[in-house]
């Protein structure tokens, strides 16, 4: 539905530029997992991926790192300081070492909560559409 109905409706109704280079997908918690699943299955549709307390994308999951690097302009993982951030930090280091534009943010003194996600959005938004 997102790809066949929602995106075409947004691009037709609003002053949104079409194409993957002008599209981001981000989600928090379970929405982060849904973002992960949708974006990884449709890399030709989203140039920016944000996972807020929603896991990460390890390099081993990327079938073609060179193609991923060309298609995805930025990938962002954010967590609260009181969550387990180690896997996301490690994934960002792996991705950066592969030349992929990856970012990690850890929200100070927060857990799996609204303030974490609000801060993640604040850090993620400036990375979009440069």
N, C-alpha and C. Protein backbone atom coordinates (compact mmCIF):
# COMPACT_ATOMS: atom_id res chain seq x y z
N UNK A 1 0.81 -1.18 0.00
CA UNK A 1 0.00 0.00 0.00
C UNK A 1 0.87 1.27 0.00
N UNK A 2 1.94 1.26 0.77
CA UNK A 2 2.80 2.45 0.81
C UNK A 2 3.35 2.78 -0.57
N UNK A 3 3.81 1.75 -1.27
CA UNK A 3 4.45 1.97 -2.56
C UNK A 3 3.44 2.20 -3.69
N UNK A 4 2.30 1.52 -3.61
CA UNK A 4 1.34 1.62 -4.71
C UNK A 4 0.30 2.72 -4.51
N UNK A 5 0.01 3.08 -3.25
CA UNK A 5 -1.03 4.08 -2.98
C UNK A 5 -0.51 5.34 -2.31
N UNK A 6 0.16 5.18 -1.18
CA UNK A 6 0.54 6.33 -0.36
C UNK A 6 1.56 7.25 -1.04
N UNK A 7 2.66 6.71 -1.49
CA UNK A 7 3.70 7.55 -2.12
C UNK A 7 3.16 8.25 -3.37
N UNK A 8 2.47 7.55 -4.29
CA UNK A 8 1.92 8.26 -5.45
C UNK A 8 0.92 9.36 -5.06
N UNK A 9 0.09 9.11 -4.03
CA UNK A 9 -0.87 10.12 -3.60
C UNK A 9 -0.14 11.35 -3.04
N UNK A 10 0.88 11.14 -2.24
CA UNK A 10 1.64 12.27 -1.67
C UNK A 10 2.30 13.07 -2.78
N UNK A 11 2.93 12.39 -3.73
CA UNK A 11 3.63 13.09 -4.81
C UNK A 11 2.66 13.81 -5.75
N UNK A 12 1.44 13.34 -5.84
CA UNK A 12 0.42 13.98 -6.68
C UNK A 12 -0.24 15.15 -5.97
N UNK A 13 -0.47 15.01 -4.67
CA UNK A 13 -1.25 15.98 -3.91
C UNK A 13 -0.41 17.12 -3.35
N UNK A 14 0.80 16.83 -2.95
CA UNK A 14 1.64 17.83 -2.27
C UNK A 14 2.84 18.21 -3.13
N UNK A 15 3.48 19.28 -2.78
CA UNK A 15 4.67 19.73 -3.51
C UNK A 15 5.88 18.92 -3.07
N UNK A 16 5.82 17.63 -3.30
CA UNK A 16 6.91 16.72 -2.95
C UNK A 16 7.61 16.29 -4.24
N UNK A 17 8.91 16.37 -4.24
CA UNK A 17 9.65 15.92 -5.41
C UNK A 17 9.59 14.40 -5.49
N UNK A 18 9.43 13.86 -6.68
CA UNK A 18 9.35 12.40 -6.83
C UNK A 18 10.74 11.77 -6.81
N UNK A 19 10.75 10.47 -6.64
CA UNK A 19 11.98 9.70 -6.74
C UNK A 19 12.64 9.41 -5.41
N UNK A 20 13.41 8.35 -5.40
CA UNK A 20 14.08 7.88 -4.18
C UNK A 20 14.98 8.93 -3.57
N UNK A 21 15.65 9.72 -4.38
CA UNK A 21 16.58 10.74 -3.85
C UNK A 21 15.86 11.77 -2.99
N UNK A 22 14.55 11.85 -3.14
CA UNK A 22 13.74 12.81 -2.40
C UNK A 22 12.84 12.13 -1.37
N UNK A 23 13.19 10.91 -0.99
CA UNK A 23 12.36 10.14 -0.08
C UNK A 23 13.17 9.57 1.08
N UNK A 24 12.59 9.67 2.27
CA UNK A 24 13.18 9.08 3.47
C UNK A 24 12.12 8.22 4.15
N UNK A 25 12.60 7.23 4.87
CA UNK A 25 11.69 6.44 5.69
C UNK A 25 12.36 6.26 7.04
N UNK A 26 11.60 6.55 8.09
CA UNK A 26 12.12 6.39 9.45
C UNK A 26 10.99 5.88 10.33
N UNK A 27 11.38 5.20 11.40
CA UNK A 27 10.38 4.70 12.33
C UNK A 27 10.98 4.50 13.69
N UNK A 28 10.11 4.48 14.68
CA UNK A 28 10.57 4.28 16.05
C UNK A 28 10.01 2.99 16.61
N UNK A 29 10.82 2.31 17.38
CA UNK A 29 10.45 1.06 18.02
C UNK A 29 9.99 0.05 16.96
N UNK A 30 8.77 -0.46 17.05
CA UNK A 30 8.27 -1.42 16.06
C UNK A 30 8.26 -0.79 14.67
N UNK A 31 7.99 0.51 14.58
CA UNK A 31 8.04 1.21 13.30
C UNK A 31 9.44 1.22 12.72
N UNK A 32 10.45 1.17 13.58
CA UNK A 32 11.83 1.05 13.11
C UNK A 32 12.05 -0.29 12.43
N UNK A 33 11.50 -1.34 13.03
CA UNK A 33 11.61 -2.66 12.41
C UNK A 33 10.86 -2.68 11.08
N UNK A 34 9.69 -2.04 11.03
CA UNK A 34 8.93 -1.98 9.79
C UNK A 34 9.67 -1.15 8.74
N UNK A 35 10.30 -0.07 9.18
CA UNK A 35 11.12 0.74 8.27
C UNK A 35 12.26 -0.10 7.73
N UNK A 36 12.92 -0.84 8.60
CA UNK A 36 14.03 -1.70 8.21
C UNK A 36 13.58 -2.68 7.13
N UNK A 37 12.49 -3.37 7.39
CA UNK A 37 11.98 -4.38 6.45
C UNK A 37 11.58 -3.76 5.12
N UNK A 38 10.85 -2.67 5.17
CA UNK A 38 10.36 -2.03 3.94
C UNK A 38 11.50 -1.41 3.14
N UNK A 39 12.36 -0.66 3.82
CA UNK A 39 13.45 0.03 3.10
C UNK A 39 14.45 -0.95 2.50
N UNK A 40 14.81 -1.99 3.25
CA UNK A 40 15.79 -2.95 2.73
C UNK A 40 15.23 -3.73 1.53
N UNK A 41 13.94 -3.92 1.48
CA UNK A 41 13.31 -4.62 0.35
C UNK A 41 13.06 -3.69 -0.82
N UNK A 42 13.22 -2.38 -0.59
CA UNK A 42 12.93 -1.38 -1.64
C UNK A 42 13.98 -0.28 -1.65
N UNK A 43 15.23 -0.67 -1.75
CA UNK A 43 16.31 0.31 -1.71
C UNK A 43 16.24 1.31 -2.86
N UNK A 44 15.57 0.95 -3.91
CA UNK A 44 15.40 1.86 -5.04
C UNK A 44 14.32 2.91 -4.79
N UNK A 45 13.65 2.84 -3.63
CA UNK A 45 12.56 3.77 -3.32
C UNK A 45 12.90 4.79 -2.24
N UNK A 46 13.94 4.53 -1.41
CA UNK A 46 14.26 5.39 -0.27
C UNK A 46 15.77 5.64 -0.20
N UNK A 47 16.15 6.91 -0.20
CA UNK A 47 17.57 7.26 -0.13
C UNK A 47 18.05 7.52 1.30
N UNK A 48 17.11 7.62 2.23
CA UNK A 48 17.46 7.90 3.63
C UNK A 48 16.68 6.95 4.52
N UNK A 49 17.38 6.33 5.46
CA UNK A 49 16.76 5.35 6.36
C UNK A 49 17.09 5.74 7.79
N UNK A 50 16.06 5.81 8.63
CA UNK A 50 16.26 6.13 10.04
C UNK A 50 15.59 5.12 10.94
N UNK A 51 16.35 4.53 11.84
CA UNK A 51 15.81 3.57 12.81
C UNK A 51 16.02 4.14 14.20
N UNK A 52 14.93 4.48 14.87
CA UNK A 52 14.97 5.07 16.20
C UNK A 52 14.54 4.00 17.21
N UNK A 53 15.46 3.47 17.97
CA UNK A 53 15.20 2.35 18.89
C UNK A 53 14.58 1.20 18.11
N UNK A 54 15.01 1.03 16.90
CA UNK A 54 14.39 0.03 16.03
C UNK A 54 15.40 -0.90 15.39
N UNK A 55 16.53 -1.11 16.06
CA UNK A 55 17.53 -2.02 15.53
C UNK A 55 18.54 -1.32 14.65
N UNK A 56 19.14 -2.09 13.76
CA UNK A 56 20.19 -1.56 12.89
C UNK A 56 20.28 -2.41 11.64
N UNK A 57 21.17 -2.04 10.77
CA UNK A 57 21.41 -2.78 9.54
C UNK A 57 22.89 -3.15 9.52
N UNK A 58 23.23 -4.37 9.89
CA UNK A 58 24.64 -4.77 9.86
C UNK A 58 25.12 -4.95 8.42
N UNK A 59 26.39 -4.76 8.22
CA UNK A 59 26.97 -4.90 6.88
C UNK A 59 26.68 -6.28 6.30
N UNK A 60 26.68 -7.31 7.12
CA UNK A 60 26.44 -8.67 6.64
C UNK A 60 25.06 -8.83 6.00
N UNK A 61 24.13 -7.96 6.35
CA UNK A 61 22.78 -8.03 5.79
C UNK A 61 22.68 -7.38 4.41
N UNK A 62 23.66 -6.59 4.06
CA UNK A 62 23.64 -5.86 2.80
C UNK A 62 24.26 -6.74 1.72
N UNK A 63 23.44 -7.14 0.75
CA UNK A 63 23.89 -8.06 -0.29
C UNK A 63 24.95 -7.45 -1.19
N UNK A 64 24.78 -6.18 -1.54
CA UNK A 64 25.70 -5.50 -2.44
C UNK A 64 26.06 -4.14 -1.84
N UNK A 65 27.12 -4.07 -1.02
CA UNK A 65 27.47 -2.81 -0.36
C UNK A 65 27.71 -1.65 -1.33
N UNK A 66 28.28 -1.93 -2.50
CA UNK A 66 28.53 -0.86 -3.47
C UNK A 66 27.21 -0.27 -3.97
N UNK A 67 26.24 -1.11 -4.26
CA UNK A 67 24.94 -0.63 -4.71
C UNK A 67 24.22 0.10 -3.57
N UNK A 68 24.31 -0.44 -2.37
CA UNK A 68 23.69 0.21 -1.20
C UNK A 68 24.27 1.61 -1.02
N UNK A 69 25.57 1.72 -1.13
CA UNK A 69 26.24 3.03 -0.97
C UNK A 69 25.75 4.04 -2.01
N UNK A 70 25.51 3.58 -3.23
CA UNK A 70 25.01 4.47 -4.29
C UNK A 70 23.55 4.86 -4.06
N UNK A 71 22.75 3.92 -3.57
CA UNK A 71 21.31 4.15 -3.43
C UNK A 71 20.94 4.89 -2.14
N UNK A 72 21.61 4.57 -1.04
CA UNK A 72 21.24 5.12 0.26
C UNK A 72 22.22 6.24 0.62
N UNK A 73 21.69 7.45 0.70
CA UNK A 73 22.53 8.62 0.99
C UNK A 73 22.92 8.70 2.46
N UNK A 74 22.05 8.24 3.36
CA UNK A 74 22.36 8.24 4.79
C UNK A 74 21.52 7.18 5.49
N UNK A 75 22.16 6.49 6.42
CA UNK A 75 21.46 5.53 7.27
C UNK A 75 21.77 5.94 8.72
N UNK A 76 20.73 5.98 9.55
CA UNK A 76 20.82 6.53 10.90
C UNK A 76 20.22 5.55 11.90
N UNK A 77 20.96 5.30 12.97
CA UNK A 77 20.46 4.47 14.07
C UNK A 77 20.54 5.30 15.34
N UNK A 78 19.47 5.35 16.09
CA UNK A 78 19.45 6.09 17.34
C UNK A 78 18.86 5.26 18.45
N UNK A 79 19.39 5.45 19.63
CA UNK A 79 18.92 4.75 20.82
C UNK A 79 18.99 5.69 22.02
N UNK A 80 18.27 5.32 23.07
CA UNK A 80 18.43 5.99 24.34
C UNK A 80 19.65 5.41 25.06
N UNK A 81 20.27 6.20 25.88
CA UNK A 81 21.46 5.76 26.61
C UNK A 81 21.18 4.53 27.47
N UNK A 82 19.94 4.39 27.94
CA UNK A 82 19.58 3.28 28.81
C UNK A 82 19.14 2.04 28.04
N UNK A 83 19.18 2.10 26.74
CA UNK A 83 18.91 0.93 25.89
C UNK A 83 20.24 0.27 25.55
N UNK A 84 20.19 -0.87 24.91
CA UNK A 84 21.42 -1.54 24.47
C UNK A 84 21.85 -0.94 23.14
N UNK A 85 22.80 -0.03 23.17
CA UNK A 85 23.26 0.66 21.97
C UNK A 85 24.42 -0.04 21.27
N UNK A 86 25.03 -1.00 21.92
CA UNK A 86 26.24 -1.63 21.38
C UNK A 86 26.05 -2.18 19.96
N UNK A 87 24.98 -2.91 19.66
CA UNK A 87 24.83 -3.44 18.30
C UNK A 87 24.74 -2.33 17.24
N UNK A 88 24.04 -1.25 17.56
CA UNK A 88 23.91 -0.16 16.59
C UNK A 88 25.23 0.57 16.40
N UNK A 89 25.96 0.79 17.49
CA UNK A 89 27.29 1.42 17.38
C UNK A 89 28.21 0.58 16.52
N UNK A 90 28.19 -0.73 16.75
CA UNK A 90 29.05 -1.63 15.97
C UNK A 90 28.65 -1.64 14.49
N UNK A 91 27.34 -1.63 14.23
CA UNK A 91 26.87 -1.63 12.84
C UNK A 91 27.30 -0.36 12.12
N UNK A 92 27.23 0.79 12.80
CA UNK A 92 27.64 2.05 12.19
C UNK A 92 29.13 2.02 11.86
N UNK A 93 29.94 1.51 12.75
CA UNK A 93 31.38 1.42 12.48
C UNK A 93 31.66 0.53 11.28
N UNK A 94 30.98 -0.61 11.21
CA UNK A 94 31.11 -1.51 10.06
C UNK A 94 30.73 -0.81 8.76
N UNK A 95 29.59 -0.14 8.78
CA UNK A 95 29.11 0.54 7.58
C UNK A 95 30.05 1.67 7.17
N UNK A 96 30.51 2.44 8.13
CA UNK A 96 31.46 3.52 7.83
C UNK A 96 32.74 2.97 7.22
N UNK A 97 33.24 1.87 7.77
CA UNK A 97 34.45 1.25 7.23
C UNK A 97 34.25 0.76 5.80
N UNK A 98 33.01 0.49 5.43
CA UNK A 98 32.69 0.07 4.05
C UNK A 98 32.39 1.27 3.16
N UNK A 99 32.52 2.49 3.72
CA UNK A 99 32.30 3.69 2.92
C UNK A 99 30.86 4.14 2.84
N UNK A 100 30.00 3.58 3.68
CA UNK A 100 28.58 3.93 3.69
C UNK A 100 28.37 5.06 4.68
N UNK A 101 27.55 6.03 4.30
CA UNK A 101 27.27 7.20 5.12
C UNK A 101 26.32 6.81 6.25
N UNK A 102 26.88 6.40 7.39
CA UNK A 102 26.10 5.90 8.51
C UNK A 102 26.33 6.78 9.74
N UNK A 103 25.26 6.91 10.54
CA UNK A 103 25.30 7.77 11.72
C UNK A 103 24.68 7.05 12.91
N UNK A 104 25.23 7.31 14.08
CA UNK A 104 24.65 6.80 15.32
C UNK A 104 24.46 7.96 16.28
N UNK A 105 23.33 7.94 16.98
CA UNK A 105 23.06 8.93 18.02
C UNK A 105 22.56 8.22 19.25
N UNK A 106 23.09 8.62 20.40
CA UNK A 106 22.63 8.08 21.68
C UNK A 106 22.06 9.22 22.51
N UNK A 107 20.78 9.12 22.81
CA UNK A 107 20.09 10.15 23.58
C UNK A 107 20.47 10.04 25.06
N UNK A 108 21.04 11.10 25.62
CA UNK A 108 21.49 11.04 27.01
C UNK A 108 20.34 10.81 28.01
N UNK A 109 20.57 9.90 28.94
CA UNK A 109 19.67 9.66 30.08
C UNK A 109 18.24 9.29 29.69
N UNK A 110 18.05 8.68 28.53
CA UNK A 110 16.72 8.24 28.13
C UNK A 110 16.73 6.77 27.78
N UNK A 111 15.55 6.19 27.71
CA UNK A 111 15.39 4.77 27.38
C UNK A 111 14.52 4.64 26.14
N UNK A 112 13.70 3.60 26.10
CA UNK A 112 12.80 3.32 24.98
C UNK A 112 11.56 4.18 25.17
N UNK A 113 11.65 5.47 24.79
CA UNK A 113 10.62 6.43 25.15
C UNK A 113 10.57 7.60 24.17
N UNK A 114 9.52 8.39 24.31
CA UNK A 114 9.27 9.49 23.40
C UNK A 114 10.44 10.47 23.32
N UNK A 115 11.03 10.83 24.44
CA UNK A 115 12.11 11.81 24.41
C UNK A 115 13.30 11.30 23.58
N UNK A 116 13.58 10.01 23.65
CA UNK A 116 14.63 9.43 22.81
C UNK A 116 14.31 9.65 21.34
N UNK A 117 13.10 9.34 20.95
CA UNK A 117 12.70 9.40 19.54
C UNK A 117 12.61 10.83 19.04
N UNK A 118 12.19 11.71 19.91
CA UNK A 118 12.16 13.12 19.55
C UNK A 118 13.57 13.63 19.27
N UNK A 119 14.49 13.26 20.13
CA UNK A 119 15.89 13.66 19.94
C UNK A 119 16.49 13.01 18.70
N UNK A 120 16.12 11.75 18.45
CA UNK A 120 16.60 11.07 17.24
C UNK A 120 16.14 11.81 15.98
N UNK A 121 14.88 12.21 15.95
CA UNK A 121 14.36 12.95 14.80
C UNK A 121 15.12 14.26 14.64
N UNK A 122 15.41 14.91 15.75
CA UNK A 122 16.16 16.17 15.71
C UNK A 122 17.55 15.98 15.10
N UNK A 123 18.18 14.85 15.36
CA UNK A 123 19.50 14.54 14.81
C UNK A 123 19.42 14.04 13.37
N UNK A 124 18.38 13.30 13.05
CA UNK A 124 18.22 12.69 11.72
C UNK A 124 17.80 13.71 10.67
N UNK A 125 16.86 14.58 11.00
CA UNK A 125 16.28 15.51 10.02
C UNK A 125 17.33 16.34 9.26
N UNK A 126 18.36 16.88 9.92
CA UNK A 126 19.33 17.68 9.15
C UNK A 126 20.15 16.88 8.13
N UNK A 127 20.13 15.56 8.23
CA UNK A 127 20.88 14.72 7.29
C UNK A 127 20.13 14.54 5.97
N UNK A 128 18.85 14.90 5.97
CA UNK A 128 17.99 14.63 4.82
C UNK A 128 18.15 15.64 3.71
N UNK A 129 18.12 15.15 2.49
CA UNK A 129 17.98 15.95 1.27
C UNK A 129 19.02 17.04 1.12
N UNK A 130 20.26 16.72 1.41
CA UNK A 130 21.34 17.70 1.23
C UNK A 130 21.80 17.71 -0.21
